[in-house]
Amino acid sequence: MRGLSEFDRVYLHRNFVDFRKSINGLSIIVEQEMVLSPYGSGLFVFCNKGRDKLKLLYWDKTGFCLWYKRLEKDKFQWPKKHADQVIKLDSEQMNWLLRGFDINSMKPHKSQQYTQLS
């Protein structure tokens, strides 16, 4: 299993997914609804309607990997009011989501890039 920090891109499918779907069904969602290639270097994240389960799908160059997490008491803070069907996250935001934080309200400090000292 690859660690979250190893993924270049993390993509959340904003709408809830029928969790009877497995690798083939989720791969079709990635291709047809998210308009992305499931064979790339991205991690694709899906949530059920009850917001207590996540499925993570990725291609590891030899086959698909499917990771499943079920919460026993809480719910994931899934972004509902996002305009886009596909939400791009970095690995830090993905860790926040897994730990129960609302990724819409948590924003890190903006990166600063300077070319010289004044």
N, C-alpha and C. Protein backbone atom coordinates (compact mmCIF):
# COMPACT_ATOMS: atom_id res chain seq x y z
N MET A 1 0.85 -1.18 0.00
CA MET A 1 0.00 0.00 0.00
C MET A 1 0.88 1.23 0.00
N ARG A 2 0.59 2.13 -0.89
CA ARG A 2 1.31 3.40 -0.95
C ARG A 2 0.77 4.34 0.11
N GLY A 3 1.64 5.17 0.65
CA GLY A 3 1.21 6.20 1.60
C GLY A 3 0.56 7.36 0.86
N LEU A 4 -0.28 8.11 1.55
CA LEU A 4 -0.98 9.23 0.91
C LEU A 4 -0.03 10.27 0.34
N SER A 5 1.10 10.47 0.99
CA SER A 5 2.04 11.49 0.53
C SER A 5 2.70 11.11 -0.80
N GLU A 6 2.59 9.86 -1.21
CA GLU A 6 3.20 9.40 -2.46
C GLU A 6 2.36 9.74 -3.69
N PHE A 7 1.13 10.18 -3.52
CA PHE A 7 0.26 10.47 -4.65
C PHE A 7 0.43 11.91 -5.11
N ASP A 8 0.60 12.07 -6.43
CA ASP A 8 0.71 13.41 -7.02
C ASP A 8 -0.60 14.17 -6.90
N ARG A 9 -1.67 13.43 -7.11
CA ARG A 9 -3.00 14.05 -7.12
C ARG A 9 -3.99 13.17 -6.36
N VAL A 10 -4.90 13.84 -5.65
CA VAL A 10 -6.00 13.15 -4.98
C VAL A 10 -7.28 13.78 -5.51
N TYR A 11 -8.18 12.94 -6.01
CA TYR A 11 -9.43 13.42 -6.59
C TYR A 11 -10.61 12.85 -5.80
N LEU A 12 -11.47 13.74 -5.31
CA LEU A 12 -12.70 13.32 -4.65
C LEU A 12 -13.84 13.37 -5.65
N HIS A 13 -14.62 12.33 -5.68
CA HIS A 13 -15.86 12.33 -6.45
C HIS A 13 -16.90 12.91 -5.51
N ARG A 14 -17.39 14.11 -5.80
CA ARG A 14 -18.22 14.84 -4.86
C ARG A 14 -19.54 14.15 -4.55
N ASN A 15 -20.18 13.56 -5.55
CA ASN A 15 -21.47 12.91 -5.31
C ASN A 15 -21.27 11.56 -4.64
N PHE A 16 -22.26 11.15 -3.88
CA PHE A 16 -22.19 9.87 -3.19
C PHE A 16 -22.28 8.73 -4.19
N VAL A 17 -21.68 7.59 -3.83
CA VAL A 17 -21.57 6.44 -4.72
C VAL A 17 -22.22 5.22 -4.05
N ASP A 18 -22.85 4.40 -4.87
CA ASP A 18 -23.39 3.12 -4.42
C ASP A 18 -22.20 2.22 -4.06
N PHE A 19 -22.10 1.82 -2.80
CA PHE A 19 -20.93 1.08 -2.35
C PHE A 19 -20.96 -0.40 -2.70
N ARG A 20 -21.95 -0.83 -3.47
CA ARG A 20 -21.88 -2.17 -4.04
C ARG A 20 -20.88 -2.20 -5.19
N LYS A 21 -20.52 -1.01 -5.70
CA LYS A 21 -19.53 -0.94 -6.77
C LYS A 21 -18.16 -1.28 -6.22
N SER A 22 -17.40 -2.00 -7.03
CA SER A 22 -16.04 -2.34 -6.65
C SER A 22 -15.08 -1.73 -7.68
N ILE A 23 -13.98 -2.36 -7.95
CA ILE A 23 -12.94 -1.78 -8.81
C ILE A 23 -13.48 -1.43 -10.19
N ASN A 24 -14.15 -2.35 -10.85
CA ASN A 24 -14.63 -2.09 -12.21
C ASN A 24 -15.64 -0.94 -12.24
N GLY A 25 -16.61 -0.95 -11.35
CA GLY A 25 -17.62 0.09 -11.32
C GLY A 25 -17.04 1.46 -10.98
N LEU A 26 -16.11 1.50 -10.03
CA LEU A 26 -15.49 2.77 -9.66
C LEU A 26 -14.58 3.28 -10.77
N SER A 27 -13.91 2.38 -11.48
CA SER A 27 -13.07 2.78 -12.62
C SER A 27 -13.90 3.43 -13.71
N ILE A 28 -15.09 2.90 -13.94
CA ILE A 28 -16.00 3.49 -14.93
C ILE A 28 -16.43 4.88 -14.50
N ILE A 29 -16.69 5.08 -13.21
CA ILE A 29 -17.04 6.41 -12.71
C ILE A 29 -15.89 7.38 -12.95
N VAL A 30 -14.66 6.92 -12.69
CA VAL A 30 -13.48 7.78 -12.92
C VAL A 30 -13.42 8.20 -14.39
N GLU A 31 -13.61 7.26 -15.30
CA GLU A 31 -13.53 7.57 -16.73
C GLU A 31 -14.70 8.40 -17.23
N GLN A 32 -15.92 8.01 -16.88
CA GLN A 32 -17.09 8.62 -17.49
C GLN A 32 -17.59 9.87 -16.76
N GLU A 33 -17.61 9.85 -15.45
CA GLU A 33 -18.15 11.00 -14.70
C GLU A 33 -17.07 12.00 -14.32
N MET A 34 -15.90 11.50 -13.94
CA MET A 34 -14.83 12.40 -13.52
C MET A 34 -13.97 12.82 -14.71
N VAL A 35 -14.12 12.12 -15.85
CA VAL A 35 -13.40 12.39 -17.09
C VAL A 35 -11.88 12.40 -16.83
N LEU A 36 -11.42 11.36 -16.14
CA LEU A 36 -10.00 11.17 -15.82
C LEU A 36 -9.62 9.73 -16.16
N SER A 37 -8.34 9.49 -16.25
CA SER A 37 -7.88 8.13 -16.51
C SER A 37 -7.61 7.43 -15.19
N PRO A 38 -8.23 6.28 -14.96
CA PRO A 38 -7.95 5.55 -13.72
C PRO A 38 -6.55 4.94 -13.71
N TYR A 39 -5.85 4.96 -14.85
CA TYR A 39 -4.51 4.37 -14.95
C TYR A 39 -3.39 5.37 -14.68
N GLY A 40 -3.73 6.58 -14.29
CA GLY A 40 -2.73 7.59 -13.99
C GLY A 40 -2.15 7.40 -12.60
N SER A 41 -1.49 8.44 -12.12
CA SER A 41 -0.85 8.38 -10.81
C SER A 41 -1.72 8.95 -9.70
N GLY A 42 -3.01 9.15 -9.96
CA GLY A 42 -3.89 9.76 -8.98
C GLY A 42 -4.56 8.75 -8.05
N LEU A 43 -5.04 9.27 -6.95
CA LEU A 43 -5.83 8.52 -5.98
C LEU A 43 -7.26 9.04 -6.09
N PHE A 44 -8.22 8.15 -6.23
CA PHE A 44 -9.62 8.52 -6.42
C PHE A 44 -10.41 8.12 -5.17
N VAL A 45 -11.17 9.08 -4.63
CA VAL A 45 -11.83 8.88 -3.34
C VAL A 45 -13.34 8.98 -3.53
N PHE A 46 -14.06 8.01 -2.97
CA PHE A 46 -15.51 7.93 -3.07
C PHE A 46 -16.11 7.78 -1.68
N CYS A 47 -17.32 8.32 -1.51
CA CYS A 47 -17.99 8.25 -0.22
C CYS A 47 -19.41 7.70 -0.42
N ASN A 48 -19.93 6.99 0.60
CA ASN A 48 -21.30 6.49 0.52
C ASN A 48 -22.27 7.56 1.01
N LYS A 49 -23.56 7.32 0.81
CA LYS A 49 -24.58 8.30 1.16
C LYS A 49 -24.63 8.56 2.67
N GLY A 50 -24.34 7.55 3.47
CA GLY A 50 -24.35 7.72 4.93
C GLY A 50 -23.12 8.44 5.46
N ARG A 51 -22.14 8.70 4.60
CA ARG A 51 -20.89 9.40 4.92
C ARG A 51 -20.08 8.72 6.02
N ASP A 52 -20.27 7.41 6.18
CA ASP A 52 -19.48 6.69 7.18
C ASP A 52 -18.50 5.70 6.54
N LYS A 53 -18.45 5.70 5.20
CA LYS A 53 -17.55 4.79 4.49
C LYS A 53 -16.86 5.53 3.35
N LEU A 54 -15.59 5.18 3.14
CA LEU A 54 -14.81 5.69 2.01
C LEU A 54 -14.20 4.53 1.26
N LYS A 55 -14.10 4.70 -0.06
CA LYS A 55 -13.32 3.79 -0.89
C LYS A 55 -12.30 4.63 -1.64
N LEU A 56 -11.05 4.16 -1.64
CA LEU A 56 -9.97 4.82 -2.35
C LEU A 56 -9.45 3.86 -3.40
N LEU A 57 -9.33 4.34 -4.62
CA LEU A 57 -8.92 3.52 -5.75
C LEU A 57 -7.68 4.12 -6.39
N TYR A 58 -6.71 3.27 -6.73
CA TYR A 58 -5.56 3.73 -7.49
C TYR A 58 -4.96 2.58 -8.28
N TRP A 59 -4.21 2.95 -9.30
CA TRP A 59 -3.51 2.01 -10.18
C TRP A 59 -2.05 2.01 -9.76
N ASP A 60 -1.47 0.83 -9.52
CA ASP A 60 -0.07 0.77 -9.08
C ASP A 60 0.87 0.20 -10.14
N LYS A 61 0.50 0.31 -11.39
CA LYS A 61 1.26 -0.15 -12.55
C LYS A 61 1.21 -1.66 -12.77
N THR A 62 0.64 -2.41 -11.83
CA THR A 62 0.46 -3.85 -12.04
C THR A 62 -1.00 -4.26 -11.88
N GLY A 63 -1.79 -3.39 -11.31
CA GLY A 63 -3.20 -3.67 -11.08
C GLY A 63 -3.82 -2.59 -10.23
N PHE A 64 -5.12 -2.68 -10.04
CA PHE A 64 -5.83 -1.70 -9.22
C PHE A 64 -5.76 -2.10 -7.75
N CYS A 65 -5.73 -1.09 -6.90
CA CYS A 65 -5.80 -1.27 -5.45
C CYS A 65 -7.03 -0.55 -4.95
N LEU A 66 -7.75 -1.19 -4.06
CA LEU A 66 -8.96 -0.61 -3.49
C LEU A 66 -8.83 -0.64 -1.97
N TRP A 67 -8.92 0.53 -1.37
CA TRP A 67 -8.80 0.69 0.07
C TRP A 67 -10.17 1.09 0.60
N TYR A 68 -10.58 0.54 1.71
CA TYR A 68 -11.92 0.75 2.26
C TYR A 68 -11.80 1.15 3.72
N LYS A 69 -12.53 2.19 4.10
CA LYS A 69 -12.54 2.60 5.50
C LYS A 69 -13.99 2.79 5.94
N ARG A 70 -14.31 2.24 7.12
CA ARG A 70 -15.64 2.38 7.70
C ARG A 70 -15.50 2.98 9.09
N LEU A 71 -16.25 4.06 9.34
CA LEU A 71 -16.27 4.65 10.67
C LEU A 71 -17.34 3.97 11.50
N GLU A 72 -17.06 3.75 12.74
CA GLU A 72 -18.01 3.06 13.62
C GLU A 72 -19.07 4.01 14.20
N LYS A 73 -18.71 5.27 14.49
CA LYS A 73 -19.67 6.17 15.10
C LYS A 73 -19.83 7.50 14.38
N ASP A 74 -18.77 8.03 13.82
CA ASP A 74 -18.80 9.37 13.24
C ASP A 74 -19.12 9.33 11.75
N LYS A 75 -19.10 10.53 11.15
CA LYS A 75 -19.30 10.68 9.72
C LYS A 75 -18.16 11.50 9.15
N PHE A 76 -17.83 11.26 7.88
CA PHE A 76 -16.83 12.05 7.19
C PHE A 76 -17.43 13.41 6.84
N GLN A 77 -16.63 14.45 6.93
CA GLN A 77 -17.06 15.80 6.58
C GLN A 77 -16.90 15.97 5.07
N TRP A 78 -17.84 15.39 4.34
CA TRP A 78 -17.76 15.39 2.88
C TRP A 78 -18.18 16.73 2.32
N PRO A 79 -17.41 17.32 1.40
CA PRO A 79 -17.75 18.63 0.84
C PRO A 79 -19.01 18.57 -0.01
N LYS A 80 -20.09 19.16 0.49
CA LYS A 80 -21.38 19.10 -0.20
C LYS A 80 -21.62 20.32 -1.08
N LYS A 81 -21.12 21.46 -0.67
CA LYS A 81 -21.45 22.70 -1.37
C LYS A 81 -20.37 23.11 -2.36
N HIS A 82 -19.67 22.16 -2.90
CA HIS A 82 -18.62 22.45 -3.87
C HIS A 82 -19.23 22.42 -5.26
N ALA A 83 -18.87 23.38 -6.10
CA ALA A 83 -19.48 23.50 -7.43
C ALA A 83 -19.01 22.41 -8.39
N ASP A 84 -17.81 21.93 -8.22
CA ASP A 84 -17.25 20.97 -9.16
C ASP A 84 -17.61 19.54 -8.79
N GLN A 85 -17.74 18.71 -9.81
CA GLN A 85 -17.99 17.27 -9.63
C GLN A 85 -16.76 16.58 -9.07
N VAL A 86 -15.58 17.06 -9.48
CA VAL A 86 -14.31 16.49 -9.04
C VAL A 86 -13.58 17.54 -8.21
N ILE A 87 -13.16 17.16 -7.02
CA ILE A 87 -12.46 18.07 -6.12
C ILE A 87 -11.02 17.58 -5.98
N LYS A 88 -10.06 18.46 -6.26
CA LYS A 88 -8.65 18.10 -6.15
C LYS A 88 -8.15 18.44 -4.76
N LEU A 89 -7.45 17.50 -4.16
CA LEU A 89 -6.87 17.69 -2.83
C LEU A 89 -5.39 17.39 -2.86
N ASP A 90 -4.68 17.91 -1.87
CA ASP A 90 -3.31 17.46 -1.68
C ASP A 90 -3.32 16.41 -0.56
N SER A 91 -2.19 15.80 -0.31
CA SER A 91 -2.15 14.71 0.67
C SER A 91 -2.47 15.20 2.08
N GLU A 92 -2.12 16.44 2.38
CA GLU A 92 -2.44 16.99 3.71
C GLU A 92 -3.95 17.12 3.90
N GLN A 93 -4.64 17.64 2.89
CA GLN A 93 -6.09 17.76 2.96
C GLN A 93 -6.75 16.39 3.05
N MET A 94 -6.20 15.40 2.36
CA MET A 94 -6.74 14.05 2.44
C MET A 94 -6.59 13.50 3.84
N ASN A 95 -5.45 13.74 4.48
CA ASN A 95 -5.27 13.34 5.87
C ASN A 95 -6.27 14.03 6.79
N TRP A 96 -6.53 15.31 6.52
CA TRP A 96 -7.54 16.03 7.31
C TRP A 96 -8.91 15.38 7.18
N LEU A 97 -9.28 15.04 5.94
CA LEU A 97 -10.57 14.40 5.69
C LEU A 97 -10.66 13.08 6.45
N LEU A 98 -9.61 12.26 6.39
CA LEU A 98 -9.62 10.97 7.08
C LEU A 98 -9.70 11.14 8.59
N ARG A 99 -9.17 12.24 9.11
CA ARG A 99 -9.18 12.48 10.56
C ARG A 99 -10.46 13.18 11.02
N GLY A 100 -11.37 13.53 10.07
CA GLY A 100 -12.66 14.07 10.45
C GLY A 100 -12.81 15.57 10.33
N PHE A 101 -11.83 16.24 9.74
CA PHE A 101 -11.91 17.69 9.60
C PHE A 101 -12.67 18.07 8.33
N ASP A 102 -13.27 19.26 8.35
CA ASP A 102 -13.95 19.80 7.18
C ASP A 102 -12.90 20.48 6.31
N ILE A 103 -12.63 19.93 5.15
CA ILE A 103 -11.55 20.45 4.31
C ILE A 103 -11.90 21.80 3.69
N ASN A 104 -13.19 22.16 3.64
CA ASN A 104 -13.58 23.46 3.09
C ASN A 104 -13.22 24.60 4.03
N SER A 105 -13.27 24.37 5.32
CA SER A 105 -13.01 25.46 6.27
C SER A 105 -11.56 25.51 6.72
N MET A 106 -10.80 24.46 6.46
CA MET A 106 -9.39 24.43 6.86
C MET A 106 -8.53 24.81 5.67
N LYS A 107 -7.92 25.94 5.75
CA LYS A 107 -7.05 26.39 4.68
C LYS A 107 -5.70 26.76 5.28
N PRO A 108 -4.62 26.19 4.75
CA PRO A 108 -3.30 26.52 5.28
C PRO A 108 -2.89 27.93 4.84
N HIS A 109 -1.82 28.44 5.40
CA HIS A 109 -1.27 29.72 4.97
C HIS A 109 -0.84 29.62 3.52
N LYS A 110 -0.98 30.72 2.80
CA LYS A 110 -0.57 30.73 1.39
C LYS A 110 0.94 30.68 1.30
N SER A 111 1.43 29.95 0.33
CA SER A 111 2.87 29.88 0.08
C SER A 111 3.37 31.20 -0.46
N GLN A 112 4.52 31.63 -0.01
CA GLN A 112 5.13 32.87 -0.48
C GLN A 112 6.36 32.53 -1.28
N GLN A 113 6.56 33.24 -2.38
CA GLN A 113 7.74 33.02 -3.21
C GLN A 113 8.39 34.37 -3.45
N TYR A 114 9.61 34.50 -2.98
CA TYR A 114 10.36 35.74 -3.14
C TYR A 114 11.56 35.48 -4.04
N THR A 115 11.98 36.53 -4.72
CA THR A 115 13.15 36.41 -5.57
C THR A 115 14.37 37.07 -4.97
N GLN A 116 14.15 38.02 -4.05
CA GLN A 116 15.29 38.70 -3.42
C GLN A 116 14.85 39.34 -2.11
N LEU A 117 15.83 39.65 -1.28
CA LEU A 117 15.57 40.38 -0.05
C LEU A 117 15.55 41.86 -0.37
N SER A 118 14.75 42.63 0.33
CA SER A 118 14.74 44.07 0.05
C SER A 118 15.69 44.84 0.92
